Amino acid sequence: MFVPSVRTKKTSAVGIPTIDLSMQRSELSELAVRACEQYGIFKVVNHRVPKRVLLRLEEEGNRFFSQPVSEKLLASPAAPFGYGSRNIGSHGDVGELEYLLLHTDPQSISQVSKTISSKDPAKFSCAVNEYIEAAREVACEILELVAEGLRIPDKMAISRLIRDAHSDSVLRLNHYPATDPCHDEVVATNSIGFGEHSDPQILTVLRSNDVSGLQISTQDGLWIPVPPDPFEFVVMVGDSLQALTNGRFRSVRHRAVTSGSKSRMSMIFFGAPALNSWITPLPVLLSPHQRPLYKPFTWAQYKQAAYSLALQHARLDLFKAPDSPLLISASP
């Protein structure tokens, strides 16, 4: 269980890269690779997703989270999909939040929507499906830019995993309620909304309202606030992309802190492969004398391992390749 305090590390207001998708593609691919290598996170602007798509889902999310607890509990427990509150995982991880977790499969969304929005489930599911489609396209465009920048002949080698009809991608709406406005700012911002962790999937596409709270961790122990913008996306490298690139890209550790008297809501698309997809360093990224850093594993295997640990654990360590060349050369 993580301790609900943010006083263990310093905070620094350092910027993160911004990628403008209206730029020339050759320049974009280089910028995307550099951002994934050096930061593991960047902002995306001019992404061509209509504002109405973003605001429509935010409106539906606000409508749900503003209901009485008794109404929201009709969509619980999140086992795994539906409504949850405070209990982030099954290993004592808690936070100052409530959330909706949804699989991106339209049939699953349609079914869960009946308990989330009993008055108009079709309206809710339409808003969710429209947002998911837009966020998935942003994720895939980034992954295809990255493939070009890495000189991978098959530009869809990574994005194809997310486009798969059996993709295990999910959408999560996190709501961080406003704290007591009578509390001073120091006390209010010392509460953990969502504890330090990295995302196990391939790529994360996050959009939030105009309330701050997201922070990323640097190797020297600083926490960097990520300024919010309701019309930008924040893109983060996940553990699986780190494995696919043999550690060239690094998944970013991040957290959310509560933000005083204003409530914060984030809408997060987690791009993941199908459960039976193998994740192993792409051979084209390995030089003749370079060995894979990770053993081959399926997304189902990694997902099970990742969710069996508390949030703050470095889960990819479980799949480091042994030193034996015979085991390293094994393939799925």
Protein backbone atom coordinates (compact mmCIF):
# COMPACT_ATOMS: atom_id res chain seq x y z
CA MET A 1 0.00 0.00 0.00
CA PHE A 2 1.47 3.38 -0.91
CA VAL A 3 1.58 6.21 1.59
CA PRO A 4 -0.83 9.07 0.77
CA SER A 5 1.78 11.81 0.90
CA VAL A 6 3.76 13.67 -1.75
CA ARG A 7 6.48 15.08 0.50
CA THR A 8 9.06 12.37 -0.27
CA LYS A 9 10.34 14.03 -3.47
CA LYS A 10 10.83 17.56 -4.68
CA THR A 11 8.70 19.11 -7.39
CA SER A 12 10.08 21.03 -10.34
CA ALA A 13 8.18 22.97 -13.01
CA VAL A 14 10.01 21.70 -16.10
CA GLY A 15 8.31 21.48 -19.47
CA ILE A 16 7.78 18.35 -21.56
CA PRO A 17 7.95 18.14 -25.38
CA THR A 18 5.03 19.16 -27.56
CA ILE A 19 4.38 17.45 -30.89
CA ASP A 20 2.35 19.39 -33.44
CA LEU A 21 0.73 16.92 -35.82
CA SER A 22 0.37 19.62 -38.47
CA MET A 23 4.16 19.64 -39.00
CA GLN A 24 6.03 17.85 -41.77
CA ARG A 25 5.88 14.09 -41.25
CA SER A 26 9.64 13.51 -41.53
CA GLU A 27 10.29 16.05 -38.79
CA LEU A 28 7.45 14.65 -36.68
CA SER A 29 8.82 11.13 -36.71
CA GLU A 30 12.19 12.31 -35.41
CA LEU A 31 10.56 14.43 -32.70
CA ALA A 32 8.32 11.55 -31.59
CA VAL A 33 11.27 9.14 -31.28
CA ARG A 34 13.31 11.71 -29.36
CA ALA A 35 10.43 12.41 -26.96
CA CYS A 36 9.88 8.69 -26.32
CA GLU A 37 13.60 8.16 -25.72
CA GLN A 38 14.30 11.15 -23.51
CA TYR A 39 11.02 11.70 -21.67
CA GLY A 40 8.58 8.85 -22.25
CA ILE A 41 5.88 11.50 -22.41
CA PHE A 42 4.84 14.42 -24.62
CA LYS A 43 1.88 16.60 -25.48
CA VAL A 44 0.07 16.36 -28.81
CA VAL A 45 -1.55 19.40 -30.40
CA ASN A 46 -3.38 19.90 -33.70
CA HIS A 47 -4.54 16.29 -33.48
CA ARG A 48 -7.68 16.95 -35.53
CA VAL A 49 -10.02 15.43 -32.93
CA PRO A 50 -13.11 17.69 -32.82
CA LYS A 51 -13.64 19.53 -29.53
CA ARG A 52 -17.20 18.26 -29.42
CA VAL A 53 -15.90 14.68 -29.10
CA LEU A 54 -13.80 15.64 -26.08
CA LEU A 55 -16.48 17.75 -24.43
CA ARG A 56 -19.26 15.24 -25.08
CA LEU A 57 -17.53 12.52 -23.09
CA GLU A 58 -16.57 14.98 -20.35
CA GLU A 59 -20.23 15.98 -20.09
CA GLU A 60 -21.32 12.35 -19.80
CA GLY A 61 -18.62 11.68 -17.22
CA ASN A 62 -19.61 14.70 -15.15
CA ARG A 63 -23.24 13.65 -15.33
CA PHE A 64 -22.40 10.22 -13.96
CA PHE A 65 -19.99 11.30 -11.22
CA SER A 66 -22.36 14.03 -9.99
CA GLN A 67 -25.02 11.44 -9.14
CA PRO A 68 -25.69 10.31 -5.57
CA VAL A 69 -23.44 7.49 -4.41
CA SER A 70 -26.40 5.12 -4.32
CA GLU A 71 -26.93 5.65 -8.05
CA LYS A 72 -23.27 5.24 -8.96
CA LEU A 73 -23.05 2.03 -6.98
CA LEU A 74 -25.51 0.45 -9.41
CA ALA A 75 -22.58 0.33 -11.85
CA SER A 76 -20.24 -1.34 -9.35
CA PRO A 77 -18.15 -3.18 -8.52
CA ALA A 78 -15.54 -2.67 -11.23
CA ALA A 79 -14.89 -6.39 -11.70
CA PRO A 80 -13.17 -5.51 -13.83
CA PHE A 81 -15.43 -3.07 -15.73
CA GLY A 82 -17.75 -0.54 -14.21
CA TYR A 83 -17.59 1.88 -11.29
CA GLY A 84 -14.97 1.88 -8.56
CA SER A 85 -14.02 4.21 -5.75
CA ARG A 86 -10.69 4.63 -3.92
CA ASN A 87 -9.61 1.00 -4.29
CA ILE A 88 -7.36 1.19 -7.35
CA GLY A 89 -6.16 -2.41 -7.24
CA SER A 90 -6.35 -5.59 -5.23
CA HIS A 91 -3.13 -5.03 -3.28
CA GLY A 92 -3.93 -2.16 -0.98
CA ASP A 93 -3.48 0.61 -3.54
CA VAL A 94 -5.92 3.38 -2.74
CA GLY A 95 -6.38 6.96 -3.86
CA GLU A 96 -8.61 9.97 -3.59
CA LEU A 97 -10.65 9.20 -6.67
CA GLU A 98 -13.60 7.42 -8.22
CA TYR A 99 -13.52 5.94 -11.68
CA LEU A 100 -15.21 4.14 -14.55
CA LEU A 101 -13.27 1.40 -16.30
CA LEU A 102 -14.53 0.32 -19.72
CA HIS A 103 -13.31 -2.17 -22.29
CA THR A 104 -13.13 -0.62 -25.75
CA ASP A 105 -15.19 -3.39 -27.32
CA PRO A 106 -18.51 -1.77 -28.39
CA GLN A 107 -20.59 -4.71 -27.16
CA SER A 108 -19.01 -4.49 -23.71
CA ILE A 109 -19.63 -0.74 -23.64
CA SER A 110 -23.25 -1.20 -24.66
CA GLN A 111 -23.80 -3.70 -21.85
CA VAL A 112 -22.09 -1.67 -19.12
CA SER A 113 -23.81 1.55 -20.25
CA LYS A 114 -27.14 0.14 -19.08
CA THR A 115 -25.98 0.37 -15.46
CA ILE A 116 -23.92 3.56 -15.88
CA SER A 117 -26.65 5.58 -17.59
CA SER A 118 -30.00 3.88 -17.11
CA LYS A 119 -31.93 6.90 -18.43
CA ASP A 120 -30.09 7.12 -21.76
CA PRO A 121 -27.49 4.35 -22.17
CA ALA A 122 -27.30 4.88 -25.94
CA LYS A 123 -26.19 8.50 -25.47
CA PHE A 124 -23.47 7.46 -23.05
CA SER A 125 -22.21 4.58 -25.21
CA CYS A 126 -22.15 6.77 -28.33
CA ALA A 127 -20.03 9.39 -26.54
CA VAL A 128 -17.65 6.70 -25.29
CA ASN A 129 -17.33 4.91 -28.65
CA GLU A 130 -16.71 8.17 -30.49
CA TYR A 131 -13.99 9.18 -28.06
CA ILE A 132 -12.34 5.75 -28.14
CA GLU A 133 -12.21 5.77 -31.94
CA ALA A 134 -10.58 9.22 -31.91
CA ALA A 135 -8.07 8.38 -29.17
CA ARG A 136 -7.15 5.09 -30.86
CA GLU A 137 -6.41 6.93 -34.10
CA VAL A 138 -4.15 9.38 -32.26
CA ALA A 139 -2.31 6.46 -30.62
CA CYS A 140 -1.87 4.62 -33.90
CA GLU A 141 -0.70 7.74 -35.74
CA ILE A 142 1.95 8.27 -33.06
CA LEU A 143 3.05 4.63 -33.22
CA GLU A 144 3.32 4.79 -37.01
CA LEU A 145 5.35 7.99 -36.78
CA VAL A 146 7.60 6.26 -34.27
CA ALA A 147 8.02 3.26 -36.59
CA GLU A 148 9.12 5.60 -39.37
CA GLY A 149 11.55 7.35 -37.06
CA LEU A 150 13.03 4.01 -35.98
CA ARG A 151 13.37 2.92 -39.64
CA ILE A 152 11.08 -0.07 -39.15
CA PRO A 153 10.12 -1.30 -42.68
CA ASP A 154 6.59 -2.25 -41.59
CA LYS A 155 5.18 1.08 -40.38
CA MET A 156 2.24 -0.69 -38.74
CA ALA A 157 4.36 -3.22 -36.85
CA ILE A 158 3.31 -1.71 -33.50
CA SER A 159 0.06 0.09 -34.27
CA ARG A 160 -1.37 -3.13 -35.71
CA LEU A 161 -1.38 -4.57 -32.17
CA ILE A 162 -3.80 -1.86 -31.06
CA ARG A 163 -5.93 -1.98 -34.22
CA ASP A 164 -6.46 -5.71 -33.74
CA ALA A 165 -10.16 -6.57 -33.48
CA HIS A 166 -9.36 -8.48 -30.28
CA SER A 167 -7.32 -5.68 -28.75
CA ASP A 168 -7.46 -5.53 -24.95
CA SER A 169 -7.44 -1.72 -24.93
CA VAL A 170 -9.45 0.01 -22.21
CA LEU A 171 -10.82 3.45 -21.41
CA ARG A 172 -10.71 4.81 -17.90
CA LEU A 173 -12.44 7.91 -16.58
CA ASN A 174 -10.84 9.11 -13.35
CA HIS A 175 -12.68 11.65 -11.23
CA TYR A 176 -10.82 13.39 -8.40
CA PRO A 177 -13.45 15.17 -6.28
CA ALA A 178 -12.75 18.62 -4.92
CA THR A 179 -11.28 18.65 -1.44
CA ASP A 180 -12.63 20.77 1.38
CA PRO A 181 -12.23 24.40 0.20
CA CYS A 182 -11.56 25.35 3.83
CA HIS A 183 -8.26 23.42 3.71
CA ASP A 184 -5.20 25.43 2.83
CA GLU A 185 -3.47 24.73 -0.47
CA VAL A 186 -0.50 22.91 1.10
CA VAL A 187 -2.72 20.35 2.78
CA ALA A 188 -4.97 19.95 -0.25
CA THR A 189 -2.14 19.23 -2.67
CA ASN A 190 -0.52 16.71 -0.32
CA SER A 191 -3.16 14.07 -1.08
CA ILE A 192 -2.50 11.27 -3.53
CA GLY A 193 -5.17 10.95 -6.16
CA PHE A 194 -3.50 8.01 -7.93
CA GLY A 195 -0.17 6.65 -6.72
CA GLU A 196 3.14 6.46 -8.55
CA HIS A 197 3.14 3.87 -11.35
CA SER A 198 3.87 3.19 -14.99
CA ASP A 199 1.23 1.96 -17.42
CA PRO A 200 1.64 -1.68 -18.52
CA GLN A 201 0.08 -1.22 -21.97
CA ILE A 202 1.75 -0.04 -25.19
CA LEU A 203 0.70 3.61 -25.28
CA THR A 204 -1.44 5.87 -23.11
CA VAL A 205 -3.44 8.79 -24.54
CA LEU A 206 -4.75 11.06 -21.80
CA ARG A 207 -7.00 14.08 -21.86
CA SER A 208 -8.12 16.00 -18.76
CA ASN A 209 -10.16 19.05 -17.93
CA ASP A 210 -8.41 22.33 -17.04
CA VAL A 211 -7.48 21.26 -13.50
CA SER A 212 -3.86 20.32 -12.71
CA GLY A 213 -2.84 17.11 -10.96
CA LEU A 214 -0.75 14.95 -13.32
CA GLN A 215 2.93 14.71 -12.43
CA ILE A 216 5.81 12.67 -13.87
CA SER A 217 8.91 11.44 -12.08
CA THR A 218 12.47 12.06 -13.28
CA GLN A 219 15.43 9.78 -12.63
CA ASP A 220 16.89 12.27 -10.16
CA GLY A 221 13.81 12.16 -7.96
CA LEU A 222 11.99 15.29 -9.11
CA TRP A 223 8.26 15.43 -9.74
CA ILE A 224 7.36 17.47 -12.81
CA PRO A 225 3.82 18.90 -13.00
CA VAL A 226 2.20 18.52 -16.41
CA PRO A 227 0.11 21.65 -17.06
CA PRO A 228 -3.44 20.77 -18.12
CA ASP A 229 -5.05 21.76 -21.39
CA PRO A 230 -8.53 20.38 -22.15
CA PHE A 231 -7.87 20.38 -25.90
CA GLU A 232 -4.48 18.69 -25.91
CA PHE A 233 -3.57 15.04 -25.43
CA VAL A 234 -0.80 13.79 -23.20
CA VAL A 235 0.86 10.66 -24.63
CA MET A 236 2.91 8.30 -22.44
CA VAL A 237 5.09 5.30 -23.25
CA GLY A 238 3.88 2.10 -21.57
CA ASP A 239 5.85 -0.88 -20.31
CA SER A 240 4.97 -2.97 -23.36
CA LEU A 241 6.40 -0.36 -25.75
CA GLN A 242 9.56 -0.29 -23.65
CA ALA A 243 9.85 -4.06 -24.16
CA LEU A 244 9.05 -3.87 -27.88
CA THR A 245 11.85 -1.31 -28.37
CA ASN A 246 14.26 -3.31 -26.17
CA GLY A 247 14.47 -0.51 -23.65
CA ARG A 248 15.20 2.23 -26.18
CA PHE A 249 11.95 3.87 -25.10
CA ARG A 250 11.25 4.08 -21.38
CA SER A 251 7.83 3.95 -19.79
CA VAL A 252 7.25 7.01 -17.65
CA ARG A 253 6.40 6.84 -13.97
CA HIS A 254 3.64 9.22 -13.05
CA ARG A 255 1.00 9.98 -10.44
CA ALA A 256 -1.97 12.26 -9.85
CA VAL A 257 -2.38 14.58 -6.88
CA THR A 258 -5.58 16.26 -5.79
CA SER A 259 -6.02 19.89 -6.71
CA GLY A 260 -7.66 21.76 -3.89
CA SER A 261 -11.15 23.14 -4.32
CA LYS A 262 -11.62 22.06 -7.98
CA SER A 263 -12.51 18.58 -9.17
CA ARG A 264 -10.42 16.98 -11.89
CA MET A 265 -11.48 14.43 -14.48
CA SER A 266 -9.16 12.61 -16.84
CA MET A 267 -10.16 10.41 -19.79
CA ILE A 268 -7.47 7.84 -20.53
CA PHE A 269 -7.17 5.47 -23.48
CA PHE A 270 -4.78 2.59 -22.80
CA GLY A 271 -3.73 1.02 -26.10
CA ALA A 272 -3.06 -2.69 -25.60
CA PRO A 273 -2.66 -5.75 -27.85
CA ALA A 274 -4.83 -8.86 -27.84
CA LEU A 275 -4.37 -11.11 -24.83
CA ASN A 276 -2.57 -13.79 -26.87
CA SER A 277 -0.22 -11.34 -28.63
CA TRP A 278 3.48 -11.92 -28.04
CA ILE A 279 5.54 -8.97 -26.84
CA THR A 280 9.23 -9.25 -27.61
CA PRO A 281 11.90 -6.79 -28.79
CA LEU A 282 11.42 -6.14 -32.51
CA PRO A 283 14.31 -7.91 -34.34
CA VAL A 284 14.81 -4.95 -36.67
CA LEU A 285 15.79 -2.82 -33.66
CA LEU A 286 18.50 -5.23 -32.51
CA SER A 287 22.04 -4.96 -33.85
CA PRO A 288 23.90 -8.24 -34.63
CA HIS A 289 25.67 -8.14 -31.27
CA GLN A 290 22.81 -6.82 -29.17
CA ARG A 291 20.84 -9.22 -27.02
CA PRO A 292 17.18 -8.79 -26.05
CA LEU A 293 16.73 -7.28 -22.60
CA TYR A 294 13.40 -9.04 -22.06
CA LYS A 295 12.09 -12.56 -22.46
CA PRO A 296 9.16 -12.99 -24.87
CA PHE A 297 5.82 -12.83 -23.08
CA THR A 298 2.17 -12.55 -24.04
CA TRP A 299 0.11 -9.54 -23.06
CA ALA A 300 -2.04 -11.87 -20.93
CA GLN A 301 1.06 -13.02 -19.04
CA TYR A 302 2.31 -9.51 -18.47
CA LYS A 303 -1.12 -8.19 -17.56
CA GLN A 304 -1.53 -10.90 -14.92
CA ALA A 305 1.93 -10.20 -13.50
CA ALA A 306 1.48 -6.44 -13.59
CA TYR A 307 -1.81 -6.46 -11.72
CA SER A 308 -0.50 -8.91 -9.15
CA LEU A 309 1.89 -6.26 -7.83
CA ALA A 310 1.34 -3.00 -6.03
CA LEU A 311 1.39 0.08 -8.25
CA GLN A 312 4.85 1.35 -7.42
CA HIS A 313 6.69 -1.86 -8.38
CA ALA A 314 8.84 -2.01 -11.54
CA ARG A 315 6.96 -4.83 -13.21
CA LEU A 316 9.11 -5.30 -16.31
CA ASP A 317 11.90 -6.52 -14.05
CA LEU A 318 9.99 -9.79 -13.81
CA PHE A 319 10.62 -10.40 -17.51
CA LYS A 320 14.28 -9.48 -17.83
CA ALA A 321 16.13 -11.92 -20.08
CA PRO A 322 18.58 -14.23 -18.31
CA ASP A 323 22.23 -14.13 -19.27
CA SER A 324 22.13 -17.54 -20.98
CA PRO A 325 22.38 -17.13 -24.80
CA LEU A 326 20.36 -20.33 -25.24
CA LEU A 327 17.41 -18.90 -23.32
CA ILE A 328 17.73 -15.51 -24.98
CA SER A 329 17.39 -17.07 -28.42
CA ALA A 330 14.13 -18.80 -27.52
CA SER A 331 11.14 -17.53 -29.48
CA PRO A 332 7.40 -17.86 -28.91
